[in-house]
C-alpha atoms as a PDB file:
ATOM      1  CA  MET A   1     157.398  28.058  77.399  1.00  0.00           C
ATOM      2  CA  GLY A   2     158.580  31.033  75.072  1.00  0.00           C
ATOM      3  CA  ASP A   3     161.107  31.352  72.509  1.00  0.00           C
ATOM      4  CA  GLY A   4     164.056  30.426  74.461  1.00  0.00           C
ATOM      5  CA  SER A   5     162.745  26.965  74.848  1.00  0.00           C
ATOM      6  CA  ASP A   6     162.776  26.491  71.017  1.00  0.00           C
ATOM      7  CA  LYS A   7     166.592  27.207  70.714  1.00  0.00           C
ATOM      8  CA  ARG A   8     166.081  29.801  67.469  1.00  0.00           C
ATOM      9  CA  PHE A   9     168.604  29.654  64.890  1.00  0.00           C
ATOM     10  CA  GLN A  10     170.660  32.977  64.130  1.00  0.00           C
ATOM     11  CA  ARG A  11     169.064  32.718  60.468  1.00  0.00           C
ATOM     12  CA  PRO A  12     166.781  30.380  58.821  1.00  0.00           C
ATOM     13  CA  VAL A  13     167.758  27.140  57.285  1.00  0.00           C
ATOM     14  CA  PHE A  14     165.567  27.058  54.029  1.00  0.00           C
ATOM     15  CA  ILE A  15     164.691  23.657  52.366  1.00  0.00           C
ATOM     16  CA  SER A  16     162.700  22.715  49.656  1.00  0.00           C
ATOM     17  CA  PRO A  17     160.718  19.596  50.802  1.00  0.00           C
ATOM     18  CA  GLY A  18     159.163  18.617  47.451  1.00  0.00           C
ATOM     19  CA  PRO A  19     159.617  19.748  43.705  1.00  0.00           C
ATOM     20  CA  THR A  20     156.571  21.815  43.686  1.00  0.00           C
ATOM     21  CA  ASP A  21     156.832  22.925  47.210  1.00  0.00           C
ATOM     22  CA  GLU A  22     157.654  26.615  48.194  1.00  0.00           C
ATOM     23  CA  ALA A  23     160.901  26.868  50.424  1.00  0.00           C
ATOM     24  CA  LEU A  24     160.253  26.133  54.018  1.00  0.00           C
ATOM     25  CA  ALA A  25     162.231  28.511  56.323  1.00  0.00           C
ATOM     26  CA  VAL A  26     163.527  26.334  59.337  1.00  0.00           C
ATOM     27  CA  ARG A  27     163.925  29.087  62.321  1.00  0.00           C
ATOM     28  CA  ASN A  28     164.681  26.794  65.206  1.00  0.00           C
ATOM     29  CA  THR A  29     165.737  23.821  66.965  1.00  0.00           C
ATOM     30  CA  ARG A  30     162.240  22.535  67.941  1.00  0.00           C
ATOM     31  CA  GLN A  31     161.092  23.032  64.170  1.00  0.00           C
ATOM     32  CA  ALA A  32     164.119  21.190  62.887  1.00  0.00           C
ATOM     33  CA  ALA A  33     163.943  18.321  65.214  1.00  0.00           C
ATOM     34  CA  ASP A  34     159.997  17.782  64.395  1.00  0.00           C
ATOM     35  CA  LEU A  35     160.840  17.861  61.003  1.00  0.00           C
ATOM     36  CA  LEU A  36     163.657  15.849  61.007  1.00  0.00           C
ATOM     37  CA  LEU A  37     161.515  12.946  63.090  1.00  0.00           C
ATOM     38  CA  THR A  38     158.204  13.175  61.659  1.00  0.00           C
ATOM     39  CA  ARG A  39     158.257  14.820  58.415  1.00  0.00           C
ATOM     40  CA  TRP A  40     161.416  14.531  56.641  1.00  0.00           C
ATOM     41  CA  PRO A  41     160.940  14.628  52.912  1.00  0.00           C
ATOM     42  CA  ALA A  42     164.126  12.633  51.499  1.00  0.00           C
ATOM     43  CA  ARG A  43     166.015   9.893  52.113  1.00  0.00           C
ATOM     44  CA  ARG A  44     167.388   9.719  55.849  1.00  0.00           C
ATOM     45  CA  GLY A  45     171.390   9.279  55.615  1.00  0.00           C
ATOM     46  CA  PRO A  46     174.125   9.374  58.112  1.00  0.00           C
ATOM     47  CA  ARG A  47     173.712  13.357  58.677  1.00  0.00           C
ATOM     48  CA  HIS A  48     170.105  12.791  59.161  1.00  0.00           C
ATOM     49  CA  ARG A  49     170.920  10.685  62.128  1.00  0.00           C
ATOM     50  CA  ASP A  50     173.594  13.234  63.528  1.00  0.00           C
ATOM     51  CA  ALA A  51     170.875  16.000  62.990  1.00  0.00           C
ATOM     52  CA  VAL A  52     168.355  14.364  65.140  1.00  0.00           C
ATOM     53  CA  ASP A  53     170.735  13.634  67.717  1.00  0.00           C
ATOM     54  CA  ALA A  54     172.179  17.334  67.994  1.00  0.00           C
ATOM     55  CA  CYS A  55     168.748  18.761  67.784  1.00  0.00           C
ATOM     56  CA  LEU A  56     167.666  16.603  70.949  1.00  0.00           C
ATOM     57  CA  LYS A  57     170.701  17.439  72.702  1.00  0.00           C
ATOM     58  CA  VAL A  58     170.222  21.109  72.097  1.00  0.00           C
ATOM     59  CA  LEU A  59     166.619  20.786  73.485  1.00  0.00           C
ATOM     60  CA  ASP A  60     168.059  18.989  76.462  1.00  0.00           C
ATOM     61  CA  GLY A  61     170.511  22.094  76.926  1.00  0.00           C
ATOM     62  CA  HIS A  62     173.560  19.936  76.483  1.00  0.00           C
ATOM     63  CA  ARG A  63     174.670  21.404  73.242  1.00  0.00           C
ATOM     64  CA  SER A  64     174.768  25.060  71.356  1.00  0.00           C
ATOM     65  CA  THR A  65     172.033  25.851  69.260  1.00  0.00           C
ATOM     66  CA  VAL A  66     174.846  26.378  66.469  1.00  0.00           C
ATOM     67  CA  ASP A  67     175.213  22.586  66.383  1.00  0.00           C
ATOM     68  CA  ALA A  68     171.750  21.979  65.648  1.00  0.00           C
ATOM     69  CA  TYR A  69     171.774  24.632  62.804  1.00  0.00           C
ATOM     70  CA  ASP A  70     175.006  23.086  61.319  1.00  0.00           C
ATOM     71  CA  ALA A  71     173.998  19.640  61.648  1.00  0.00           C
ATOM     72  CA  PHE A  72     170.273  20.366  60.350  1.00  0.00           C
ATOM     73  CA  ARG A  73     171.688  22.110  57.298  1.00  0.00           C
ATOM     74  CA  GLU A  74     174.140  19.387  56.410  1.00  0.00           C
ATOM     75  CA  ALA A  75     171.381  16.841  56.829  1.00  0.00           C
ATOM     76  CA  ALA A  76     169.296  18.953  54.302  1.00  0.00           C
ATOM     77  CA  GLU A  77     172.332  19.219  51.661  1.00  0.00           C
ATOM     78  CA  GLU A  78     172.659  15.784  51.929  1.00  0.00           C
ATOM     79  CA  ALA A  79     169.373  14.802  51.186  1.00  0.00           C
ATOM     80  CA  GLY A  80     169.311  17.244  48.275  1.00  0.00           C
ATOM     81  CA  ILE A  81     166.711  19.569  49.932  1.00  0.00           C
ATOM     82  CA  LEU A  82     168.357  22.460  50.833  1.00  0.00           C
ATOM     83  CA  ALA A  83     167.166  25.817  49.102  1.00  0.00           C
ATOM     84  CA  GLY A  84     168.432  29.303  49.236  1.00  0.00           C
ATOM     85  CA  GLU A  85     172.052  30.930  49.327  1.00  0.00           C
ATOM     86  CA  ASN A  86     174.151  28.020  49.527  1.00  0.00           C
ATOM     87  CA  THR A  87     172.973  25.355  47.379  1.00  0.00           C
ATOM     88  CA  HIS A  88     175.388  25.060  44.734  1.00  0.00           C
ATOM     89  CA  SER A  89     179.336  24.570  45.302  1.00  0.00           C
END
């Protein structure tokens, strides 16, 4: 399985897993799903659940990679761990 199976994002989503950790670049749907399911460093709210659902559906080929990107970004924002360009509104 090559890059195609990972459902690569157009651009990475940067998250800050902890106060002392460097920002982590999440580059594809598989990496996002892994983080959401096994290593989510924050509270799991409704956006987290939506992001898990979106990522799994994208990996199954039922939704667009853009859906996973948007949902993951919203989950990171909800959890207060979104880093990088659009962190302050």
